[in-house]
PDB file of N, CA and C in Angstrom:
ATOM      1  N   UNK A   1     -63.055  84.690  99.109  1.00  0.00           N
ATOM      2  CA  UNK A   1     -63.314  85.410  97.961  1.00  0.00           C
ATOM      3  C   UNK A   1     -62.877  86.766  98.095  1.00  0.00           C
ATOM      4  N   UNK A   2     -62.488  87.272  96.781  1.00  0.00           N
ATOM      5  CA  UNK A   2     -62.010  88.527  96.260  1.00  0.00           C
ATOM      6  C   UNK A   2     -63.073  89.904  97.048  1.00  0.00           C
ATOM      7  N   UNK A   3     -63.930  89.625  97.045  1.00  0.00           N
ATOM      8  CA  UNK A   3     -65.001  90.103  97.432  1.00  0.00           C
ATOM      9  C   UNK A   3     -64.550  90.740  98.618  1.00  0.00           C
ATOM     10  N   UNK A   4     -64.179  89.957  99.549  1.00  0.00           N
ATOM     11  CA  UNK A   4     -63.676  89.770 101.006  1.00  0.00           C
ATOM     12  C   UNK A   4     -63.238  90.821 101.261  1.00  0.00           C
ATOM     13  N   UNK A   5     -61.713  90.376 100.385  1.00  0.00           N
ATOM     14  CA  UNK A   5     -60.801  90.712 100.070  1.00  0.00           C
ATOM     15  C   UNK A   5     -60.534  92.369 100.142  1.00  0.00           C
ATOM     16  N   UNK A   6     -61.460  92.723  99.385  1.00  0.00           N
ATOM     17  CA  UNK A   6     -61.504  94.124  99.228  1.00  0.00           C
ATOM     18  C   UNK A   6     -62.361  94.811  99.786  1.00  0.00           C
ATOM     19  N   UNK A   7     -62.654  94.136 100.811  1.00  0.00           N
ATOM     20  CA  UNK A   7     -63.294  94.621 101.907  1.00  0.00           C
ATOM     21  C   UNK A   7     -65.184  94.862 101.762  1.00  0.00           C
ATOM     22  N   UNK A   8     -65.704  94.038 100.410  1.00  0.00           N
ATOM     23  CA  UNK A   8     -66.950  94.130 100.070  1.00  0.00           C
ATOM     24  C   UNK A   8     -67.767  93.014 100.859  1.00  0.00           C
ATOM     25  N   UNK A   9     -69.053  93.284 101.030  1.00  0.00           N
ATOM     26  CA  UNK A   9     -69.907  92.476 101.649  1.00  0.00           C
ATOM     27  C   UNK A   9     -71.215  91.922 100.893  1.00  0.00           C
ATOM     28  N   UNK A  10     -70.864  90.690 100.507  1.00  0.00           N
ATOM     29  CA  UNK A  10     -72.054  89.904  99.605  1.00  0.00           C
ATOM     30  C   UNK A  10     -72.689  89.762 100.456  1.00  0.00           C
ATOM     31  N   UNK A  11     -74.498  89.729  99.837  1.00  0.00           N
ATOM     32  CA  UNK A  11     -74.495  90.902  98.859  1.00  0.00           C
ATOM     33  C   UNK A  11     -75.183  91.989  99.568  1.00  0.00           C
ATOM     34  N   UNK A  12     -74.939  92.616 100.572  1.00  0.00           N
ATOM     35  CA  UNK A  12     -74.879  94.118 100.948  1.00  0.00           C
ATOM     36  C   UNK A  12     -74.020  95.125 100.153  1.00  0.00           C
ATOM     37  N   UNK A  13     -72.630  94.958  99.799  1.00  0.00           N
ATOM     38  CA  UNK A  13     -72.129  95.690  99.135  1.00  0.00           C
ATOM     39  C   UNK A  13     -72.107  95.198  97.639  1.00  0.00           C
ATOM     40  N   UNK A  14     -72.278  94.278  97.047  1.00  0.00           N
ATOM     41  CA  UNK A  14     -71.977  93.578  95.569  1.00  0.00           C
ATOM     42  C   UNK A  14     -73.053  92.568  95.672  1.00  0.00           C
ATOM     43  N   UNK A  15     -73.804  92.557  94.637  1.00  0.00           N
ATOM     44  CA  UNK A  15     -74.155  91.098  93.945  1.00  0.00           C
ATOM     45  C   UNK A  15     -73.004  90.492  93.265  1.00  0.00           C
ATOM     46  N   UNK A  16     -73.509  88.869  93.167  1.00  0.00           N
ATOM     47  CA  UNK A  16     -72.975  88.141  92.637  1.00  0.00           C
ATOM     48  C   UNK A  16     -73.738  87.026  91.828  1.00  0.00           C
ATOM     49  N   UNK A  17     -73.506  86.925  90.734  1.00  0.00           N
ATOM     50  CA  UNK A  17     -74.562  85.856  89.918  1.00  0.00           C
ATOM     51  C   UNK A  17     -73.510  84.589  88.810  1.00  0.00           C
ATOM     52  N   UNK A  18     -73.932  83.830  89.378  1.00  0.00           N
ATOM     53  CA  UNK A  18     -73.161  82.673  88.534  1.00  0.00           C
ATOM     54  C   UNK A  18     -73.821  82.084  87.322  1.00  0.00           C
ATOM     55  N   UNK A  19     -73.294  81.258  86.464  1.00  0.00           N
ATOM     56  CA  UNK A  19     -74.083  80.575  85.057  1.00  0.00           C
ATOM     57  C   UNK A  19     -73.797  79.477  85.251  1.00  0.00           C
ATOM     58  N   UNK A  20     -74.878  78.429  85.220  1.00  0.00           N
ATOM     59  CA  UNK A  20     -74.654  76.842  84.924  1.00  0.00           C
ATOM     60  C   UNK A  20     -75.203  76.081  86.043  1.00  0.00           C
ATOM     61  N   UNK A  21     -75.855  76.701  87.612  1.00  0.00           N
ATOM     62  CA  UNK A  21     -76.199  76.184  88.381  1.00  0.00           C
ATOM     63  C   UNK A  21     -75.619  74.835  88.893  1.00  0.00           C
ATOM     64  N   UNK A  22     -74.146  75.304  88.616  1.00  0.00           N
ATOM     65  CA  UNK A  22     -73.531  73.340  89.321  1.00  0.00           C
ATOM     66  C   UNK A  22     -73.784  73.428  90.403  1.00  0.00           C
ATOM     67  N   UNK A  23     -73.339  72.206  91.158  1.00  0.00           N
ATOM     68  CA  UNK A  23     -73.475  71.715  92.322  1.00  0.00           C
ATOM     69  C   UNK A  23     -73.148  72.776  93.487  1.00  0.00           C
ATOM     70  N   UNK A  24     -71.817  73.167  93.402  1.00  0.00           N
ATOM     71  CA  UNK A  24     -70.989  74.061  94.186  1.00  0.00           C
ATOM     72  C   UNK A  24     -71.768  75.124  94.725  1.00  0.00           C
ATOM     73  N   UNK A  25     -72.727  75.742  93.871  1.00  0.00           N
ATOM     74  CA  UNK A  25     -73.245  76.964  93.634  1.00  0.00           C
ATOM     75  C   UNK A  25     -73.821  77.046  95.140  1.00  0.00           C
ATOM     76  N   UNK A  26     -75.018  75.909  95.252  1.00  0.00           N
ATOM     77  CA  UNK A  26     -75.764  75.702  96.559  1.00  0.00           C
ATOM     78  C   UNK A  26     -74.631  75.344  97.671  1.00  0.00           C
ATOM     79  N   UNK A  27     -73.460  75.046  97.524  1.00  0.00           N
ATOM     80  CA  UNK A  27     -72.790  74.816  98.655  1.00  0.00           C
ATOM     81  C   UNK A  27     -71.784  75.965  99.597  1.00  0.00           C
ATOM     82  N   UNK A  28     -71.231  77.280  98.549  1.00  0.00           N
ATOM     83  CA  UNK A  28     -70.795  77.756  98.810  1.00  0.00           C
ATOM     84  C   UNK A  28     -71.254  78.966  99.898  1.00  0.00           C
ATOM     85  N   UNK A  29     -70.634  80.003 100.709  1.00  0.00           N
ATOM     86  CA  UNK A  29     -71.196  81.116 101.669  1.00  0.00           C
ATOM     87  C   UNK A  29     -70.680  82.229 101.106  1.00  0.00           C
ATOM     88  N   UNK A  30     -71.694  83.074 100.726  1.00  0.00           N
ATOM     89  CA  UNK A  30     -73.084  82.915 100.801  1.00  0.00           C
ATOM     90  C   UNK A  30     -73.443  81.959  99.844  1.00  0.00           C
ATOM     91  N   UNK A  31     -74.377  81.302  99.354  1.00  0.00           N
ATOM     92  CA  UNK A  31     -75.005  80.453  98.193  1.00  0.00           C
ATOM     93  C   UNK A  31     -74.976  81.501  96.941  1.00  0.00           C
ATOM     94  N   UNK A  32     -74.721  80.816  96.428  1.00  0.00           N
ATOM     95  CA  UNK A  32     -74.279  81.496  94.680  1.00  0.00           C
ATOM     96  C   UNK A  32     -76.040  81.442  94.257  1.00  0.00           C
ATOM     97  N   UNK A  33     -76.304  83.019  93.466  1.00  0.00           N
ATOM     98  CA  UNK A  33     -77.606  83.412  92.647  1.00  0.00           C
ATOM     99  C   UNK A  33     -76.842  82.647  91.690  1.00  0.00           C
ATOM    100  N   UNK A  34     -77.906  81.970  90.745  1.00  0.00           N
ATOM    101  CA  UNK A  34     -77.347  81.586  89.066  1.00  0.00           C
ATOM    102  C   UNK A  34     -78.366  81.378  88.292  1.00  0.00           C
ATOM    103  N   UNK A  35     -78.058  81.540  87.209  1.00  0.00           N
ATOM    104  CA  UNK A  35     -78.770  80.787  85.977  1.00  0.00           C
ATOM    105  C   UNK A  35     -78.878  80.105  85.312  1.00  0.00           C
ATOM    106  N   UNK A  36     -79.756  78.760  85.234  1.00  0.00           N
ATOM    107  CA  UNK A  36     -79.739  77.600  85.312  1.00  0.00           C
ATOM    108  C   UNK A  36     -80.724  77.235  83.912  1.00  0.00           C
ATOM    109  N   UNK A  37     -79.279  76.578  83.567  1.00  0.00           N
ATOM    110  CA  UNK A  37     -79.568  76.374  81.424  1.00  0.00           C
ATOM    111  C   UNK A  37     -80.419  75.081  81.431  1.00  0.00           C
ATOM    112  N   UNK A  38     -80.876  74.576  81.024  1.00  0.00           N
ATOM    113  CA  UNK A  38     -81.910  73.116  81.033  1.00  0.00           C
ATOM    114  C   UNK A  38     -81.118  72.332  79.685  1.00  0.00           C
ATOM    115  N   UNK A  39     -80.093  71.822  80.183  1.00  0.00           N
ATOM    116  CA  UNK A  39     -79.346  71.050  79.228  1.00  0.00           C
ATOM    117  C   UNK A  39     -79.827  69.708  78.723  1.00  0.00           C
ATOM    118  N   UNK A  40     -81.053  69.165  79.352  1.00  0.00           N
ATOM    119  CA  UNK A  40     -81.761  68.416  79.199  1.00  0.00           C
ATOM    120  C   UNK A  40     -82.604  68.361  77.556  1.00  0.00           C
ATOM    121  N   UNK A  41     -83.114  70.068  77.656  1.00  0.00           N
ATOM    122  CA  UNK A  41     -83.742  70.245  77.350  1.00  0.00           C
ATOM    123  C   UNK A  41     -83.310  70.571  75.575  1.00  0.00           C
ATOM    124  N   UNK A  42     -81.541  71.199  75.415  1.00  0.00           N
ATOM    125  CA  UNK A  42     -80.708  71.018  74.821  1.00  0.00           C
ATOM    126  C   UNK A  42     -80.456  70.299  74.219  1.00  0.00           C
ATOM    127  N   UNK A  43     -80.538  69.109  74.928  1.00  0.00           N
ATOM    128  CA  UNK A  43     -79.693  67.703  74.490  1.00  0.00           C
ATOM    129  C   UNK A  43     -80.811  67.456  73.378  1.00  0.00           C
ATOM    130  N   UNK A  44     -82.273  67.169  73.910  1.00  0.00           N
ATOM    131  CA  UNK A  44     -83.356  66.536  73.456  1.00  0.00           C
ATOM    132  C   UNK A  44     -83.602  67.411  71.754  1.00  0.00           C
ATOM    133  N   UNK A  45     -83.795  68.781  72.174  1.00  0.00           N
ATOM    134  CA  UNK A  45     -83.644  69.641  70.936  1.00  0.00           C
ATOM    135  C   UNK A  45     -82.546  69.095  69.522  1.00  0.00           C
ATOM    136  N   UNK A  46     -81.400  68.913  69.767  1.00  0.00           N
ATOM    137  CA  UNK A  46     -80.379  68.803  69.167  1.00  0.00           C
ATOM    138  C   UNK A  46     -80.663  67.311  68.714  1.00  0.00           C
ATOM    139  N   UNK A  47     -80.653  66.319  69.240  1.00  0.00           N
ATOM    140  CA  UNK A  47     -81.339  64.956  68.720  1.00  0.00           C
ATOM    141  C   UNK A  47     -82.489  65.169  67.719  1.00  0.00           C
ATOM    142  N   UNK A  48     -83.268  65.681  68.181  1.00  0.00           N
ATOM    143  CA  UNK A  48     -84.278  66.214  67.336  1.00  0.00           C
ATOM    144  C   UNK A  48     -84.304  66.706  65.821  1.00  0.00           C
ATOM    145  N   UNK A  49     -83.315  67.733  65.762  1.00  0.00           N
ATOM    146  CA  UNK A  49     -83.050  68.881  64.998  1.00  0.00           C
ATOM    147  C   UNK A  49     -81.851  67.761  64.073  1.00  0.00           C
ATOM    148  N   UNK A  50     -81.287  67.048  64.630  1.00  0.00           N
ATOM    149  CA  UNK A  50     -79.933  65.701  63.919  1.00  0.00           C
ATOM    150  C   UNK A  50     -80.900  65.013  63.235  1.00  0.00           C
ATOM    151  N   UNK A  51     -82.448  64.556  63.858  1.00  0.00           N
ATOM    152  CA  UNK A  51     -83.058  63.268  63.219  1.00  0.00           C
ATOM    153  C   UNK A  51     -83.699  63.873  61.664  1.00  0.00           C
ATOM    154  N   UNK A  52     -84.475  65.681  61.975  1.00  0.00           N
ATOM    155  CA  UNK A  52     -85.025  66.062  61.080  1.00  0.00           C
ATOM    156  C   UNK A  52     -84.369  66.689  59.982  1.00  0.00           C
ATOM    157  N   UNK A  53     -82.782  67.275  60.375  1.00  0.00           N
ATOM    158  CA  UNK A  53     -81.663  67.362  59.457  1.00  0.00           C
ATOM    159  C   UNK A  53     -81.458  66.392  58.410  1.00  0.00           C
ATOM    160  N   UNK A  54     -81.597  64.912  58.917  1.00  0.00           N
ATOM    161  CA  UNK A  54     -81.223  64.082  57.843  1.00  0.00           C
ATOM    162  C   UNK A  54     -81.931  64.074  57.300  1.00  0.00           C
ATOM    163  N   UNK A  55     -83.258  64.275  57.079  1.00  0.00           N
ATOM    164  CA  UNK A  55     -84.280  63.948  55.887  1.00  0.00           C
ATOM    165  C   UNK A  55     -83.989  65.035  55.242  1.00  0.00           C
ATOM    166  N   UNK A  56     -83.588  66.256  55.464  1.00  0.00           N
ATOM    167  CA  UNK A  56     -83.441  67.577  54.965  1.00  0.00           C
ATOM    168  C   UNK A  56     -82.454  68.484  55.065  1.00  0.00           C
ATOM    169  N   UNK A  57     -81.089  68.075  54.087  1.00  0.00           N
ATOM    170  CA  UNK A  57     -79.776  68.373  54.316  1.00  0.00           C
ATOM    171  C   UNK A  57     -79.806  69.853  54.306  1.00  0.00           C
ATOM    172  N   UNK A  58     -80.662  70.745  54.059  1.00  0.00           N
ATOM    173  CA  UNK A  58     -80.580  71.997  53.954  1.00  0.00           C
ATOM    174  C   UNK A  58     -81.064  72.980  54.917  1.00  0.00           C
ATOM    175  N   UNK A  59     -81.964  72.451  55.975  1.00  0.00           N
ATOM    176  CA  UNK A  59     -82.231  72.988  57.109  1.00  0.00           C
ATOM    177  C   UNK A  59     -81.694  73.383  58.264  1.00  0.00           C
ATOM    178  N   UNK A  60     -81.742  74.521  59.030  1.00  0.00           N
ATOM    179  CA  UNK A  60     -80.919  74.735  59.942  1.00  0.00           C
ATOM    180  C   UNK A  60     -81.810  74.229  60.826  1.00  0.00           C
ATOM    181  N   UNK A  61     -80.960  73.995  62.146  1.00  0.00           N
ATOM    182  CA  UNK A  61     -81.122  73.532  63.612  1.00  0.00           C
ATOM    183  C   UNK A  61     -81.324  74.712  64.743  1.00  0.00           C
ATOM    184  N   UNK A  62     -82.529  75.111  65.139  1.00  0.00           N
ATOM    185  CA  UNK A  62     -82.923  76.115  65.878  1.00  0.00           C
ATOM    186  C   UNK A  62     -82.923  75.600  66.837  1.00  0.00           C
ATOM    187  N   UNK A  63     -82.326  76.139  68.165  1.00  0.00           N
ATOM    188  CA  UNK A  63     -82.736  75.478  69.625  1.00  0.00           C
ATOM    189  C   UNK A  63     -83.202  76.443  70.081  1.00  0.00           C
ATOM    190  N   UNK A  64     -83.977  76.433  71.393  1.00  0.00           N
ATOM    191  CA  UNK A  64     -84.627  77.668  71.912  1.00  0.00           C
ATOM    192  C   UNK A  64     -84.969  77.026  73.334  1.00  0.00           C
ATOM    193  N   UNK A  65     -84.458  77.801  74.441  1.00  0.00           N
ATOM    194  CA  UNK A  65     -84.269  77.300  75.765  1.00  0.00           C
ATOM    195  C   UNK A  65     -84.802  78.602  76.722  1.00  0.00           C
ATOM    196  N   UNK A  66     -85.694  78.086  77.590  1.00  0.00           N
ATOM    197  CA  UNK A  66     -86.139  79.067  78.766  1.00  0.00           C
ATOM    198  C   UNK A  66     -85.102  79.394  79.982  1.00  0.00           C
ATOM    199  N   UNK A  67     -84.297  79.835  80.295  1.00  0.00           N
ATOM    200  CA  UNK A  67     -83.140  80.018  81.376  1.00  0.00           C
ATOM    201  C   UNK A  67     -84.026  80.381  82.426  1.00  0.00           C
ATOM    202  N   UNK A  68     -83.834  79.481  83.489  1.00  0.00           N
ATOM    203  CA  UNK A  68     -84.454  79.413  84.987  1.00  0.00           C
ATOM    204  C   UNK A  68     -83.297  80.725  86.097  1.00  0.00           C
ATOM    205  N   UNK A  69     -84.000  81.697  86.592  1.00  0.00           N
ATOM    206  CA  UNK A  69     -82.782  82.718  87.496  1.00  0.00           C
ATOM    207  C   UNK A  69     -83.105  81.503  88.969  1.00  0.00           C
ATOM    208  N   UNK A  70     -82.533  81.156  89.617  1.00  0.00           N
ATOM    209  CA  UNK A  70     -82.041  80.327  91.073  1.00  0.00           C
ATOM    210  C   UNK A  70     -81.700  81.517  91.753  1.00  0.00           C
ATOM    211  N   UNK A  71     -82.607  81.981  92.633  1.00  0.00           N
ATOM    212  CA  UNK A  71     -82.233  83.170  93.103  1.00  0.00           C
ATOM    213  C   UNK A  71     -81.803  82.508  94.581  1.00  0.00           C
ATOM    214  N   UNK A  72     -80.401  82.763  94.950  1.00  0.00           N
ATOM    215  CA  UNK A  72     -79.794  82.070  96.755  1.00  0.00           C
ATOM    216  C   UNK A  72     -79.346  83.454  97.676  1.00  0.00           C
ATOM    217  N   UNK A  73     -78.330  83.321  98.164  1.00  0.00           N
ATOM    218  CA  UNK A  73     -78.004  84.327  99.059  1.00  0.00           C
ATOM    219  C   UNK A  73     -77.016  85.413  98.960  1.00  0.00           C
ATOM    220  N   UNK A  74     -76.418  85.474  97.443  1.00  0.00           N
ATOM    221  CA  UNK A  74     -75.612  86.136  96.937  1.00  0.00           C
ATOM    222  C   UNK A  74     -75.860  87.501  96.130  1.00  0.00           C
ATOM    223  N   UNK A  75     -77.223  87.553  96.346  1.00  0.00           N
ATOM    224  CA  UNK A  75     -77.777  89.114  95.568  1.00  0.00           C
ATOM    225  C   UNK A  75     -78.931  89.329  96.784  1.00  0.00           C
ATOM    226  N   UNK A  76     -78.794  90.722  96.773  1.00  0.00           N
ATOM    227  CA  UNK A  76     -79.812  91.811  97.928  1.00  0.00           C
ATOM    228  C   UNK A  76     -81.045  91.494  97.061  1.00  0.00           C
ATOM    229  N   UNK A  77     -82.166  91.230  98.257  1.00  0.00           N
ATOM    230  CA  UNK A  77     -83.665  91.413  97.880  1.00  0.00           C
ATOM    231  C   UNK A  77     -83.910  92.572  97.312  1.00  0.00           C
ATOM    232  N   UNK A  78     -84.748  92.800  96.668  1.00  0.00           N
ATOM    233  CA  UNK A  78     -85.090  94.760  96.459  1.00  0.00           C
ATOM    234  C   UNK A  78     -86.617  94.556  97.113  1.00  0.00           C
ATOM    235  N   UNK A  79     -86.981  93.939  97.746  1.00  0.00           N
ATOM    236  CA  UNK A  79     -88.130  94.050  98.835  1.00  0.00           C
ATOM    237  C   UNK A  79     -87.413  94.383 100.277  1.00  0.00           C
TER     238      UNK A  79
END
């Protein structure tokens, strides 16, 4: 990876965080810390929003999510 080509050690010298928690994140070395987005919750809220919008064509669809930080080996612990 680019960090090792630059002489940097993950996580000692640099922390790396990914986004979306794809399956590959847990298979890399070091395992990638990532932010997990609840796609099932987003899909459910979109469906409910579309149903509500069909009754009121002027309403906005608002989607709220709670991302989750999945800590793995690519970040250094502060403890």
